[in-house]
Amino acid sequence: MKEINCLGEICPVPVIRTQQQLKVAKANESFKVITDHGCTVEEISKFLKKKKVNFNIEEVINGVWEIVVVKL
C-alpha cells in the first residue's frame, strides 16, 4: 500500500496530494495518508465523501491520523 506522508504539511497540501493519488489509483487500489493536523483530517474527509471511495480514519497516536482510502 502506498503511503502519503503529510506530517508537518498544512492545508491544502495534503488534500491536493490525496486528489493526485486518487487520480492515478486503479479500482480496488488502496493508499494511506498520514497527517498530524486535525483540520487536514476534516478537509480530506469532506473531499472523499464526494468521491467513489471507501475510507477509514484512525488516530494511531495522539495527534497523528492515518486515513486509508480504497478507490472503488
N, C-alpha and C. Protein backbone atom coordinates (compact mmCIF):
# COMPACT_ATOMS: atom_id res chain seq x y z
N MET A 1 0.86 -1.18 0.00
CA MET A 1 0.00 0.00 0.00
C MET A 1 0.89 1.23 0.00
N LYS A 2 0.58 2.16 -0.89
CA LYS A 2 1.33 3.40 -0.96
C LYS A 2 0.99 4.28 0.23
N GLU A 3 2.00 4.94 0.79
CA GLU A 3 1.79 5.86 1.90
C GLU A 3 2.12 7.28 1.44
N ILE A 4 1.26 8.20 1.79
CA ILE A 4 1.49 9.61 1.52
C ILE A 4 1.74 10.28 2.87
N ASN A 5 2.98 10.63 3.10
CA ASN A 5 3.38 11.22 4.38
C ASN A 5 3.16 12.73 4.32
N CYS A 6 2.16 13.20 5.04
CA CYS A 6 1.85 14.62 5.09
C CYS A 6 2.14 15.21 6.46
N LEU A 7 3.00 14.58 7.23
CA LEU A 7 3.34 15.09 8.55
C LEU A 7 3.99 16.46 8.40
N GLY A 8 3.48 17.42 9.14
CA GLY A 8 4.02 18.77 9.11
C GLY A 8 3.47 19.64 7.99
N GLU A 9 2.69 19.06 7.09
CA GLU A 9 2.11 19.83 5.99
C GLU A 9 0.71 20.32 6.36
N ILE A 10 0.42 21.56 6.02
CA ILE A 10 -0.89 22.13 6.34
C ILE A 10 -1.73 22.22 5.06
N CYS A 11 -3.04 22.40 5.26
CA CYS A 11 -3.97 22.51 4.12
C CYS A 11 -3.57 23.69 3.26
N PRO A 12 -3.73 23.53 1.98
CA PRO A 12 -4.41 22.46 1.25
C PRO A 12 -3.49 21.37 0.72
N VAL A 13 -2.21 21.38 1.09
CA VAL A 13 -1.25 20.44 0.51
C VAL A 13 -1.68 18.98 0.67
N PRO A 14 -2.07 18.50 1.87
CA PRO A 14 -2.47 17.09 1.98
C PRO A 14 -3.70 16.74 1.13
N VAL A 15 -4.63 17.69 0.99
CA VAL A 15 -5.82 17.45 0.17
C VAL A 15 -5.40 17.32 -1.30
N ILE A 16 -4.53 18.17 -1.75
CA ILE A 16 -4.05 18.13 -3.13
C ILE A 16 -3.30 16.82 -3.39
N ARG A 17 -2.46 16.41 -2.46
CA ARG A 17 -1.72 15.15 -2.62
C ARG A 17 -2.67 13.95 -2.65
N THR A 18 -3.75 14.02 -1.85
CA THR A 18 -4.76 12.96 -1.86
C THR A 18 -5.48 12.94 -3.20
N GLN A 19 -5.85 14.10 -3.72
CA GLN A 19 -6.50 14.20 -5.02
C GLN A 19 -5.63 13.60 -6.11
N GLN A 20 -4.34 13.93 -6.10
CA GLN A 20 -3.41 13.43 -7.11
C GLN A 20 -3.31 11.92 -7.06
N GLN A 21 -3.21 11.36 -5.86
CA GLN A 21 -3.09 9.91 -5.74
C GLN A 21 -4.38 9.22 -6.16
N LEU A 22 -5.51 9.82 -5.85
CA LEU A 22 -6.80 9.24 -6.23
C LEU A 22 -6.94 9.18 -7.76
N LYS A 23 -6.40 10.17 -8.45
CA LYS A 23 -6.47 10.19 -9.92
C LYS A 23 -5.70 9.03 -10.54
N VAL A 24 -4.56 8.67 -9.96
CA VAL A 24 -3.73 7.61 -10.57
C VAL A 24 -4.04 6.22 -10.01
N ALA A 25 -4.78 6.16 -8.91
CA ALA A 25 -5.13 4.86 -8.32
C ALA A 25 -6.11 4.12 -9.23
N LYS A 26 -5.95 2.80 -9.27
CA LYS A 26 -6.84 1.95 -10.04
C LYS A 26 -7.97 1.46 -9.14
N ALA A 27 -9.00 0.90 -9.73
CA ALA A 27 -10.12 0.36 -8.97
C ALA A 27 -9.64 -0.67 -7.96
N ASN A 28 -10.17 -0.62 -6.77
CA ASN A 28 -9.84 -1.51 -5.65
C ASN A 28 -8.42 -1.32 -5.11
N GLU A 29 -7.74 -0.29 -5.55
CA GLU A 29 -6.40 0.01 -5.03
C GLU A 29 -6.54 0.90 -3.80
N SER A 30 -5.66 0.70 -2.83
CA SER A 30 -5.73 1.49 -1.61
C SER A 30 -4.44 2.26 -1.38
N PHE A 31 -4.56 3.32 -0.62
CA PHE A 31 -3.39 4.09 -0.19
C PHE A 31 -3.70 4.71 1.16
N LYS A 32 -2.64 5.13 1.84
CA LYS A 32 -2.76 5.67 3.20
C LYS A 32 -2.19 7.07 3.24
N VAL A 33 -2.94 7.98 3.84
CA VAL A 33 -2.48 9.36 4.06
C VAL A 33 -2.21 9.50 5.55
N ILE A 34 -1.02 10.00 5.89
CA ILE A 34 -0.64 10.19 7.29
C ILE A 34 -0.51 11.68 7.53
N THR A 35 -1.21 12.17 8.56
CA THR A 35 -1.20 13.60 8.85
C THR A 35 -1.19 13.86 10.36
N ASP A 36 -0.73 15.03 10.72
CA ASP A 36 -0.72 15.42 12.13
C ASP A 36 -1.50 16.73 12.36
N HIS A 37 -2.41 17.03 11.44
CA HIS A 37 -3.24 18.23 11.57
C HIS A 37 -4.71 17.84 11.54
N GLY A 38 -5.44 18.15 12.60
CA GLY A 38 -6.85 17.81 12.69
C GLY A 38 -7.69 18.45 11.58
N CYS A 39 -7.34 19.67 11.20
CA CYS A 39 -8.11 20.34 10.13
C CYS A 39 -7.92 19.61 8.81
N THR A 40 -6.76 19.02 8.60
CA THR A 40 -6.50 18.25 7.38
C THR A 40 -7.39 17.03 7.33
N VAL A 41 -7.57 16.37 8.46
CA VAL A 41 -8.44 15.20 8.53
C VAL A 41 -9.86 15.59 8.11
N GLU A 42 -10.34 16.71 8.60
CA GLU A 42 -11.68 17.18 8.25
C GLU A 42 -11.81 17.49 6.77
N GLU A 43 -10.83 18.18 6.21
CA GLU A 43 -10.89 18.58 4.80
C GLU A 43 -10.78 17.37 3.87
N ILE A 44 -9.89 16.43 4.19
CA ILE A 44 -9.77 15.22 3.37
C ILE A 44 -11.05 14.41 3.46
N SER A 45 -11.64 14.34 4.64
CA SER A 45 -12.89 13.61 4.82
C SER A 45 -14.00 14.22 3.97
N LYS A 46 -14.12 15.54 3.97
CA LYS A 46 -15.12 16.22 3.15
C LYS A 46 -14.91 15.91 1.67
N PHE A 47 -13.66 15.95 1.23
CA PHE A 47 -13.34 15.67 -0.17
C PHE A 47 -13.70 14.23 -0.54
N LEU A 48 -13.32 13.28 0.31
CA LEU A 48 -13.53 11.87 0.00
C LEU A 48 -15.01 11.48 0.01
N LYS A 49 -15.82 12.14 0.81
CA LYS A 49 -17.26 11.84 0.85
C LYS A 49 -17.93 12.12 -0.50
N LYS A 50 -17.33 12.99 -1.31
CA LYS A 50 -17.88 13.33 -2.62
C LYS A 50 -17.41 12.37 -3.72
N LYS A 51 -16.46 11.49 -3.40
CA LYS A 51 -15.86 10.59 -4.39
C LYS A 51 -16.37 9.17 -4.19
N LYS A 52 -16.11 8.32 -5.19
CA LYS A 52 -16.48 6.90 -5.10
C LYS A 52 -15.34 6.14 -4.45
N VAL A 53 -15.28 6.26 -3.14
CA VAL A 53 -14.22 5.60 -2.37
C VAL A 53 -14.77 5.14 -1.03
N ASN A 54 -14.09 4.19 -0.45
CA ASN A 54 -14.27 3.85 0.95
C ASN A 54 -13.07 4.41 1.68
N PHE A 55 -13.27 4.88 2.89
CA PHE A 55 -12.12 5.36 3.65
C PHE A 55 -12.37 5.17 5.14
N ASN A 56 -11.26 5.06 5.85
CA ASN A 56 -11.30 4.86 7.29
C ASN A 56 -10.25 5.78 7.92
N ILE A 57 -10.65 6.48 8.96
CA ILE A 57 -9.75 7.39 9.66
C ILE A 57 -9.48 6.83 11.05
N GLU A 58 -8.19 6.77 11.40
CA GLU A 58 -7.81 6.27 12.72
C GLU A 58 -6.72 7.16 13.30
N GLU A 59 -6.93 7.57 14.54
CA GLU A 59 -5.87 8.31 15.25
C GLU A 59 -4.95 7.26 15.87
N VAL A 60 -3.79 7.06 15.24
CA VAL A 60 -2.90 5.97 15.64
C VAL A 60 -2.09 6.29 16.89
N ILE A 61 -1.73 7.53 17.05
CA ILE A 61 -1.15 8.03 18.30
C ILE A 61 -1.73 9.43 18.49
N ASN A 62 -1.61 9.97 19.66
CA ASN A 62 -2.19 11.27 19.96
C ASN A 62 -1.71 12.32 18.95
N GLY A 63 -2.64 12.83 18.15
CA GLY A 63 -2.31 13.89 17.20
C GLY A 63 -1.80 13.42 15.85
N VAL A 64 -1.80 12.12 15.58
CA VAL A 64 -1.38 11.60 14.28
C VAL A 64 -2.47 10.66 13.75
N TRP A 65 -2.95 10.97 12.54
CA TRP A 65 -4.03 10.19 11.94
C TRP A 65 -3.55 9.48 10.69
N GLU A 66 -4.12 8.30 10.45
CA GLU A 66 -3.92 7.57 9.21
C GLU A 66 -5.29 7.45 8.54
N ILE A 67 -5.33 7.85 7.29
CA ILE A 67 -6.56 7.77 6.50
C ILE A 67 -6.30 6.76 5.40
N VAL A 68 -6.98 5.61 5.47
CA VAL A 68 -6.83 4.58 4.45
C VAL A 68 -7.97 4.75 3.45
N VAL A 69 -7.59 4.90 2.18
CA VAL A 69 -8.55 5.16 1.12
C VAL A 69 -8.52 3.97 0.15
N VAL A 70 -9.70 3.48 -0.21
CA VAL A 70 -9.82 2.42 -1.20
C VAL A 70 -10.69 2.95 -2.33
N LYS A 71 -10.10 3.05 -3.52
CA LYS A 71 -10.85 3.54 -4.68
C LYS A 71 -11.77 2.42 -5.17
N LEU A 72 -13.02 2.74 -5.42
CA LEU A 72 -13.99 1.74 -5.89
C LEU A 72 -14.01 1.68 -7.40
